[in-house]
Amino acid sequence: MKQAGCKRVHLGIGPGNDRILRGAGQGITQAREAIRLAKQIDFKVLTYYMVGFLDEALQDANNTLRFALALD
């Protein structure tokens, strides 16, 4: 992708909360690794998050915000 001129990737992370992600069959480790790899080859990375799941508490939404900030 980089050789073809790609400079930026957009990643849909979903919720930044392990409990909610496990319910969706995903994991935070996958998101961290994808972002790490993209930054390693100098892509600009934009991420998108989801909040408001039916069983999500305010603390879960706050965890998503903290996760996003930790990824820089």
PDB file of N, CA and C in Angstrom:
ATOM      1  N   MET A   1       0.825  -1.187   0.000  1.00  0.00           N
ATOM      2  CA  MET A   1       0.000   0.000   0.000  1.00  0.00           C
ATOM      3  C   MET A   1       0.871   1.254   0.000  1.00  0.00           C
ATOM      4  N   LYS A   2       1.919   1.243   0.803  1.00  0.00           N
ATOM      5  CA  LYS A   2       2.798   2.399   0.867  1.00  0.00           C
ATOM      6  C   LYS A   2       3.467   2.638  -0.477  1.00  0.00           C
ATOM      7  N   GLN A   3       3.917   1.571  -1.123  1.00  0.00           N
ATOM      8  CA  GLN A   3       4.571   1.704  -2.418  1.00  0.00           C
ATOM      9  C   GLN A   3       3.611   2.244  -3.473  1.00  0.00           C
ATOM     10  N   ALA A   4       2.323   2.026  -3.289  1.00  0.00           N
ATOM     11  CA  ALA A   4       1.321   2.517  -4.226  1.00  0.00           C
ATOM     12  C   ALA A   4       0.927   3.967  -3.936  1.00  0.00           C
ATOM     13  N   GLY A   5       1.485   4.552  -2.874  1.00  0.00           N
ATOM     14  CA  GLY A   5       1.222   5.950  -2.560  1.00  0.00           C
ATOM     15  C   GLY A   5       0.297   6.191  -1.386  1.00  0.00           C
ATOM     16  N   CYS A   6      -0.124   5.139  -0.713  1.00  0.00           N
ATOM     17  CA  CYS A   6      -0.997   5.295   0.450  1.00  0.00           C
ATOM     18  C   CYS A   6      -0.214   5.974   1.574  1.00  0.00           C
ATOM     19  N   LYS A   7      -0.828   6.980   2.198  1.00  0.00           N
ATOM     20  CA  LYS A   7      -0.166   7.703   3.281  1.00  0.00           C
ATOM     21  C   LYS A   7      -0.951   7.668   4.590  1.00  0.00           C
ATOM     22  N   ARG A   8      -2.202   7.235   4.507  1.00  0.00           N
ATOM     23  CA  ARG A   8      -3.051   7.300   5.687  1.00  0.00           C
ATOM     24  C   ARG A   8      -3.989   6.101   5.708  1.00  0.00           C
ATOM     25  N   VAL A   9      -4.255   5.584   6.899  1.00  0.00           N
ATOM     26  CA  VAL A   9      -5.237   4.513   7.065  1.00  0.00           C
ATOM     27  C   VAL A   9      -6.263   4.934   8.111  1.00  0.00           C
ATOM     28  N   HIS A  10      -7.482   4.499   7.901  1.00  0.00           N
ATOM     29  CA  HIS A  10      -8.570   4.723   8.847  1.00  0.00           C
ATOM     30  C   HIS A  10      -8.937   3.351   9.417  1.00  0.00           C
ATOM     31  N   LEU A  11      -8.956   3.247  10.730  1.00  0.00           N
ATOM     32  CA  LEU A  11      -9.243   1.968  11.379  1.00  0.00           C
ATOM     33  C   LEU A  11     -10.479   2.089  12.266  1.00  0.00           C
ATOM     34  N   GLY A  12     -11.413   1.203  12.066  1.00  0.00           N
ATOM     35  CA  GLY A  12     -12.585   1.121  12.937  1.00  0.00           C
ATOM     36  C   GLY A  12     -12.249   0.228  14.114  1.00  0.00           C
ATOM     37  N   ILE A  13     -12.031   0.822  15.256  1.00  0.00           N
ATOM     38  CA  ILE A  13     -11.626   0.073  16.447  1.00  0.00           C
ATOM     39  C   ILE A  13     -12.836  -0.528  17.145  1.00  0.00           C
ATOM     40  N   GLY A  14     -13.941   0.177  17.152  1.00  0.00           N
ATOM     41  CA  GLY A  14     -15.112  -0.273  17.890  1.00  0.00           C
ATOM     42  C   GLY A  14     -15.002   0.202  19.321  1.00  0.00           C
ATOM     43  N   PRO A  15     -15.494  -0.550  20.274  1.00  0.00           N
ATOM     44  CA  PRO A  15     -15.371  -0.131  21.672  1.00  0.00           C
ATOM     45  C   PRO A  15     -13.948  -0.383  22.180  1.00  0.00           C
ATOM     46  N   GLY A  16     -13.475   0.478  23.059  1.00  0.00           N
ATOM     47  CA  GLY A  16     -12.147   0.295  23.649  1.00  0.00           C
ATOM     48  C   GLY A  16     -12.243  -0.366  25.000  1.00  0.00           C
ATOM     49  N   ASN A  17     -13.024  -1.401  25.073  1.00  0.00           N
ATOM     50  CA  ASN A  17     -13.291  -2.077  26.334  1.00  0.00           C
ATOM     51  C   ASN A  17     -13.263  -3.578  26.079  1.00  0.00           C
ATOM     52  N   ASP A  18     -12.383  -4.273  26.791  1.00  0.00           N
ATOM     53  CA  ASP A  18     -12.220  -5.713  26.573  1.00  0.00           C
ATOM     54  C   ASP A  18     -13.520  -6.496  26.750  1.00  0.00           C
ATOM     55  N   ARG A  19     -14.307  -6.147  27.752  1.00  0.00           N
ATOM     56  CA  ARG A  19     -15.542  -6.907  28.016  1.00  0.00           C
ATOM     57  C   ARG A  19     -16.494  -6.805  26.827  1.00  0.00           C
ATOM     58  N   ILE A  20     -16.668  -5.613  26.308  1.00  0.00           N
ATOM     59  CA  ILE A  20     -17.564  -5.420  25.169  1.00  0.00           C
ATOM     60  C   ILE A  20     -16.970  -6.073  23.919  1.00  0.00           C
ATOM     61  N   LEU A  21     -15.667  -5.916  23.716  1.00  0.00           N
ATOM     62  CA  LEU A  21     -15.019  -6.518  22.546  1.00  0.00           C
ATOM     63  C   LEU A  21     -15.102  -8.038  22.569  1.00  0.00           C
ATOM     64  N   ARG A  22     -14.925  -8.636  23.740  1.00  0.00           N
ATOM     65  CA  ARG A  22     -15.014 -10.103  23.830  1.00  0.00           C
ATOM     66  C   ARG A  22     -16.397 -10.573  23.393  1.00  0.00           C
ATOM     67  N   GLY A  23     -17.419  -9.799  23.746  1.00  0.00           N
ATOM     68  CA  GLY A  23     -18.776 -10.142  23.324  1.00  0.00           C
ATOM     69  C   GLY A  23     -18.935 -10.102  21.810  1.00  0.00           C
ATOM     70  N   ALA A  24     -18.090  -9.293  21.152  1.00  0.00           N
ATOM     71  CA  ALA A  24     -18.128  -9.189  19.692  1.00  0.00           C
ATOM     72  C   ALA A  24     -17.089 -10.097  19.037  1.00  0.00           C
ATOM     73  N   GLY A  25     -16.355 -10.876  19.853  1.00  0.00           N
ATOM     74  CA  GLY A  25     -15.351 -11.797  19.316  1.00  0.00           C
ATOM     75  C   GLY A  25     -14.089 -11.105  18.834  1.00  0.00           C
ATOM     76  N   GLN A  26     -13.769  -9.939  19.395  1.00  0.00           N
ATOM     77  CA  GLN A  26     -12.574  -9.194  19.020  1.00  0.00           C
ATOM     78  C   GLN A  26     -11.720  -8.979  20.253  1.00  0.00           C
ATOM     79  N   GLY A  27     -10.624  -8.245  20.091  1.00  0.00           N
ATOM     80  CA  GLY A  27      -9.771  -7.960  21.236  1.00  0.00           C
ATOM     81  C   GLY A  27      -8.976  -6.682  21.041  1.00  0.00           C
ATOM     82  N   ILE A  28      -8.672  -6.024  22.135  1.00  0.00           N
ATOM     83  CA  ILE A  28      -7.917  -4.778  22.107  1.00  0.00           C
ATOM     84  C   ILE A  28      -6.508  -5.003  21.568  1.00  0.00           C
ATOM     85  N   THR A  29      -5.921  -6.158  21.825  1.00  0.00           N
ATOM     86  CA  THR A  29      -4.573  -6.442  21.348  1.00  0.00           C
ATOM     87  C   THR A  29      -4.487  -6.317  19.831  1.00  0.00           C
ATOM     88  N   GLN A  30      -5.504  -6.746  19.114  1.00  0.00           N
ATOM     89  CA  GLN A  30      -5.518  -6.639  17.650  1.00  0.00           C
ATOM     90  C   GLN A  30      -5.447  -5.180  17.219  1.00  0.00           C
ATOM     91  N   ALA A  31      -6.184  -4.319  17.863  1.00  0.00           N
ATOM     92  CA  ALA A  31      -6.191  -2.899  17.521  1.00  0.00           C
ATOM     93  C   ALA A  31      -4.839  -2.277  17.799  1.00  0.00           C
ATOM     94  N   ARG A  32      -4.283  -2.557  18.951  1.00  0.00           N
ATOM     95  CA  ARG A  32      -2.963  -2.001  19.293  1.00  0.00           C
ATOM     96  C   ARG A  32      -1.913  -2.421  18.270  1.00  0.00           C
ATOM     97  N   GLU A  33      -1.928  -3.667  17.876  1.00  0.00           N
ATOM     98  CA  GLU A  33      -0.942  -4.176  16.926  1.00  0.00           C
ATOM     99  C   GLU A  33      -1.120  -3.536  15.552  1.00  0.00           C
ATOM    100  N   ALA A  34      -2.357  -3.395  15.096  1.00  0.00           N
ATOM    101  CA  ALA A  34      -2.610  -2.780  13.791  1.00  0.00           C
ATOM    102  C   ALA A  34      -2.117  -1.335  13.775  1.00  0.00           C
ATOM    103  N   ILE A  35      -2.372  -0.603  14.834  1.00  0.00           N
ATOM    104  CA  ILE A  35      -1.926   0.793  14.912  1.00  0.00           C
ATOM    105  C   ILE A  35      -0.410   0.866  14.988  1.00  0.00           C
ATOM    106  N   ARG A  36       0.188  -0.013  15.774  1.00  0.00           N
ATOM    107  CA  ARG A  36       1.652  -0.033  15.890  1.00  0.00           C
ATOM    108  C   ARG A  36       2.294  -0.275  14.528  1.00  0.00           C
ATOM    109  N   LEU A  37       1.789  -1.242  13.803  1.00  0.00           N
ATOM    110  CA  LEU A  37       2.358  -1.564  12.487  1.00  0.00           C
ATOM    111  C   LEU A  37       2.176  -0.415  11.495  1.00  0.00           C
ATOM    112  N   ALA A  38       1.019   0.196  11.498  1.00  0.00           N
ATOM    113  CA  ALA A  38       0.771   1.304  10.576  1.00  0.00           C
ATOM    114  C   ALA A  38       1.690   2.486  10.873  1.00  0.00           C
ATOM    115  N   LYS A  39       1.867   2.805  12.150  1.00  0.00           N
ATOM    116  CA  LYS A  39       2.760   3.903  12.521  1.00  0.00           C
ATOM    117  C   LYS A  39       4.214   3.571  12.206  1.00  0.00           C
ATOM    118  N   GLN A  40       4.564   2.312  12.340  1.00  0.00           N
ATOM    119  CA  GLN A  40       5.939   1.868  12.083  1.00  0.00           C
ATOM    120  C   GLN A  40       6.352   2.163  10.642  1.00  0.00           C
ATOM    121  N   ILE A  41       5.412   2.107   9.709  1.00  0.00           N
ATOM    122  CA  ILE A  41       5.743   2.394   8.308  1.00  0.00           C
ATOM    123  C   ILE A  41       5.284   3.800   7.910  1.00  0.00           C
ATOM    124  N   ASP A  42       5.134   4.654   8.929  1.00  0.00           N
ATOM    125  CA  ASP A  42       4.861   6.083   8.743  1.00  0.00           C
ATOM    126  C   ASP A  42       3.526   6.414   8.098  1.00  0.00           C
ATOM    127  N   PHE A  43       2.512   5.598   8.320  1.00  0.00           N
ATOM    128  CA  PHE A  43       1.171   5.963   7.897  1.00  0.00           C
ATOM    129  C   PHE A  43       0.582   6.914   8.941  1.00  0.00           C
ATOM    130  N   LYS A  44      -0.209   7.861   8.493  1.00  0.00           N
ATOM    131  CA  LYS A  44      -1.035   8.626   9.418  1.00  0.00           C
ATOM    132  C   LYS A  44      -2.216   7.711   9.747  1.00  0.00           C
ATOM    133  N   VAL A  45      -2.549   7.626  11.009  1.00  0.00           N
ATOM    134  CA  VAL A  45      -3.589   6.696  11.445  1.00  0.00           C
ATOM    135  C   VAL A  45      -4.756   7.471  12.047  1.00  0.00           C
ATOM    136  N   LEU A  46      -5.940   7.231  11.526  1.00  0.00           N
ATOM    137  CA  LEU A  46      -7.163   7.779  12.087  1.00  0.00           C
ATOM    138  C   LEU A  46      -7.989   6.613  12.604  1.00  0.00           C
ATOM    139  N   THR A  47      -8.534   6.752  13.792  1.00  0.00           N
ATOM    140  CA  THR A  47      -9.287   5.645  14.384  1.00  0.00           C
ATOM    141  C   THR A  47     -10.707   6.094  14.726  1.00  0.00           C
ATOM    142  N   TYR A  48     -11.599   5.132  14.675  1.00  0.00           N
ATOM    143  CA  TYR A  48     -13.007   5.374  14.972  1.00  0.00           C
ATOM    144  C   TYR A  48     -13.441   4.399  16.073  1.00  0.00           C
ATOM    145  N   TYR A  49     -14.252   4.890  16.986  1.00  0.00           N
ATOM    146  CA  TYR A  49     -14.672   4.107  18.145  1.00  0.00           C
ATOM    147  C   TYR A  49     -16.188   4.093  18.240  1.00  0.00           C
ATOM    148  N   MET A  50     -16.703   3.096  18.939  1.00  0.00           N
ATOM    149  CA  MET A  50     -18.145   2.974  19.126  1.00  0.00           C
ATOM    150  C   MET A  50     -18.466   2.980  20.611  1.00  0.00           C
ATOM    151  N   VAL A  51     -19.492   3.704  20.966  1.00  0.00           N
ATOM    152  CA  VAL A  51     -20.028   3.681  22.333  1.00  0.00           C
ATOM    153  C   VAL A  51     -21.537   3.549  22.229  1.00  0.00           C
ATOM    154  N   GLY A  52     -22.160   3.133  23.318  1.00  0.00           N
ATOM    155  CA  GLY A  52     -23.615   3.049  23.352  1.00  0.00           C
ATOM    156  C   GLY A  52     -24.178   1.652  23.176  1.00  0.00           C
ATOM    157  N   PHE A  53     -23.372   0.629  23.401  1.00  0.00           N
ATOM    158  CA  PHE A  53     -23.881  -0.740  23.334  1.00  0.00           C
ATOM    159  C   PHE A  53     -24.936  -0.941  24.418  1.00  0.00           C
ATOM    160  N   LEU A  54     -25.866  -1.842  24.188  1.00  0.00           N
ATOM    161  CA  LEU A  54     -26.979  -2.028  25.108  1.00  0.00           C
ATOM    162  C   LEU A  54     -26.541  -2.337  26.531  1.00  0.00           C
ATOM    163  N   ASP A  55     -25.495  -3.137  26.685  1.00  0.00           N
ATOM    164  CA  ASP A  55     -25.054  -3.505  28.032  1.00  0.00           C
ATOM    165  C   ASP A  55     -23.856  -2.677  28.496  1.00  0.00           C
ATOM    166  N   GLU A  56     -23.595  -1.551  27.836  1.00  0.00           N
ATOM    167  CA  GLU A  56     -22.438  -0.718  28.158  1.00  0.00           C
ATOM    168  C   GLU A  56     -22.793   0.284  29.261  1.00  0.00           C
ATOM    169  N   ALA A  57     -21.950   0.356  30.271  1.00  0.00           N
ATOM    170  CA  ALA A  57     -22.115   1.323  31.351  1.00  0.00           C
ATOM    171  C   ALA A  57     -21.272   2.564  31.054  1.00  0.00           C
ATOM    172  N   LEU A  58     -21.501   3.621  31.797  1.00  0.00           N
ATOM    173  CA  LEU A  58     -20.729   4.848  31.626  1.00  0.00           C
ATOM    174  C   LEU A  58     -19.234   4.572  31.786  1.00  0.00           C
ATOM    175  N   GLN A  59     -18.874   3.720  32.719  1.00  0.00           N
ATOM    176  CA  GLN A  59     -17.469   3.366  32.924  1.00  0.00           C
ATOM    177  C   GLN A  59     -16.874   2.705  31.675  1.00  0.00           C
ATOM    178  N   ASP A  60     -17.667   1.893  30.991  1.00  0.00           N
ATOM    179  CA  ASP A  60     -17.204   1.264  29.751  1.00  0.00           C
ATOM    180  C   ASP A  60     -16.901   2.325  28.694  1.00  0.00           C
ATOM    181  N   ALA A  61     -17.768   3.311  28.560  1.00  0.00           N
ATOM    182  CA  ALA A  61     -17.549   4.403  27.600  1.00  0.00           C
ATOM    183  C   ALA A  61     -16.299   5.196  27.987  1.00  0.00           C
ATOM    184  N   ASN A  62     -16.108   5.421  29.267  1.00  0.00           N
ATOM    185  CA  ASN A  62     -14.903   6.115  29.731  1.00  0.00           C
ATOM    186  C   ASN A  62     -13.647   5.300  29.422  1.00  0.00           C
ATOM    187  N   ASN A  63     -13.748   3.980  29.523  1.00  0.00           N
ATOM    188  CA  ASN A  63     -12.611   3.121  29.174  1.00  0.00           C
ATOM    189  C   ASN A  63     -12.262   3.262  27.695  1.00  0.00           C
ATOM    190  N   THR A  64     -13.271   3.393  26.840  1.00  0.00           N
ATOM    191  CA  THR A  64     -13.034   3.584  25.415  1.00  0.00           C
ATOM    192  C   THR A  64     -12.293   4.900  25.185  1.00  0.00           C
ATOM    193  N   LEU A  65     -12.695   5.941  25.861  1.00  0.00           N
ATOM    194  CA  LEU A  65     -12.014   7.232  25.728  1.00  0.00           C
ATOM    195  C   LEU A  65     -10.556   7.141  26.191  1.00  0.00           C
ATOM    196  N   ARG A  66     -10.328   6.511  27.330  1.00  0.00           N
ATOM    197  CA  ARG A  66      -8.955   6.359  27.835  1.00  0.00           C
ATOM    198  C   ARG A  66      -8.109   5.519  26.892  1.00  0.00           C
ATOM    199  N   PHE A  67      -8.702   4.486  26.318  1.00  0.00           N
ATOM    200  CA  PHE A  67      -7.994   3.642  25.370  1.00  0.00           C
ATOM    201  C   PHE A  67      -7.577   4.452  24.142  1.00  0.00           C
ATOM    202  N   ALA A  68      -8.488   5.248  23.615  1.00  0.00           N
ATOM    203  CA  ALA A  68      -8.191   6.078  22.443  1.00  0.00           C
ATOM    204  C   ALA A  68      -7.057   7.053  22.745  1.00  0.00           C
ATOM    205  N   LEU A  69      -7.102   7.682  23.896  1.00  0.00           N
ATOM    206  CA  LEU A  69      -6.050   8.618  24.259  1.00  0.00           C
ATOM    207  C   LEU A  69      -4.703   7.924  24.450  1.00  0.00           C
ATOM    208  N   ALA A  70      -4.726   6.723  24.983  1.00  0.00           N
ATOM    209  CA  ALA A  70      -3.472   5.974  25.194  1.00  0.00           C
ATOM    210  C   ALA A  70      -2.827   5.567  23.869  1.00  0.00           C
ATOM    211  N   LEU A  71      -3.629   5.400  22.824  1.00  0.00           N
ATOM    212  CA  LEU A  71      -3.079   5.020  21.523  1.00  0.00           C
ATOM    213  C   LEU A  71      -2.453   6.194  20.796  1.00  0.00           C
ATOM    214  N   ASP A  72      -2.682   7.402  21.284  1.00  0.00           N
ATOM    215  CA  ASP A  72      -2.132   8.619  20.691  1.00  0.00           C
ATOM    216  C   ASP A  72      -2.606   8.804  19.269  1.00  0.00           C
TER     217      ASP A  72
END
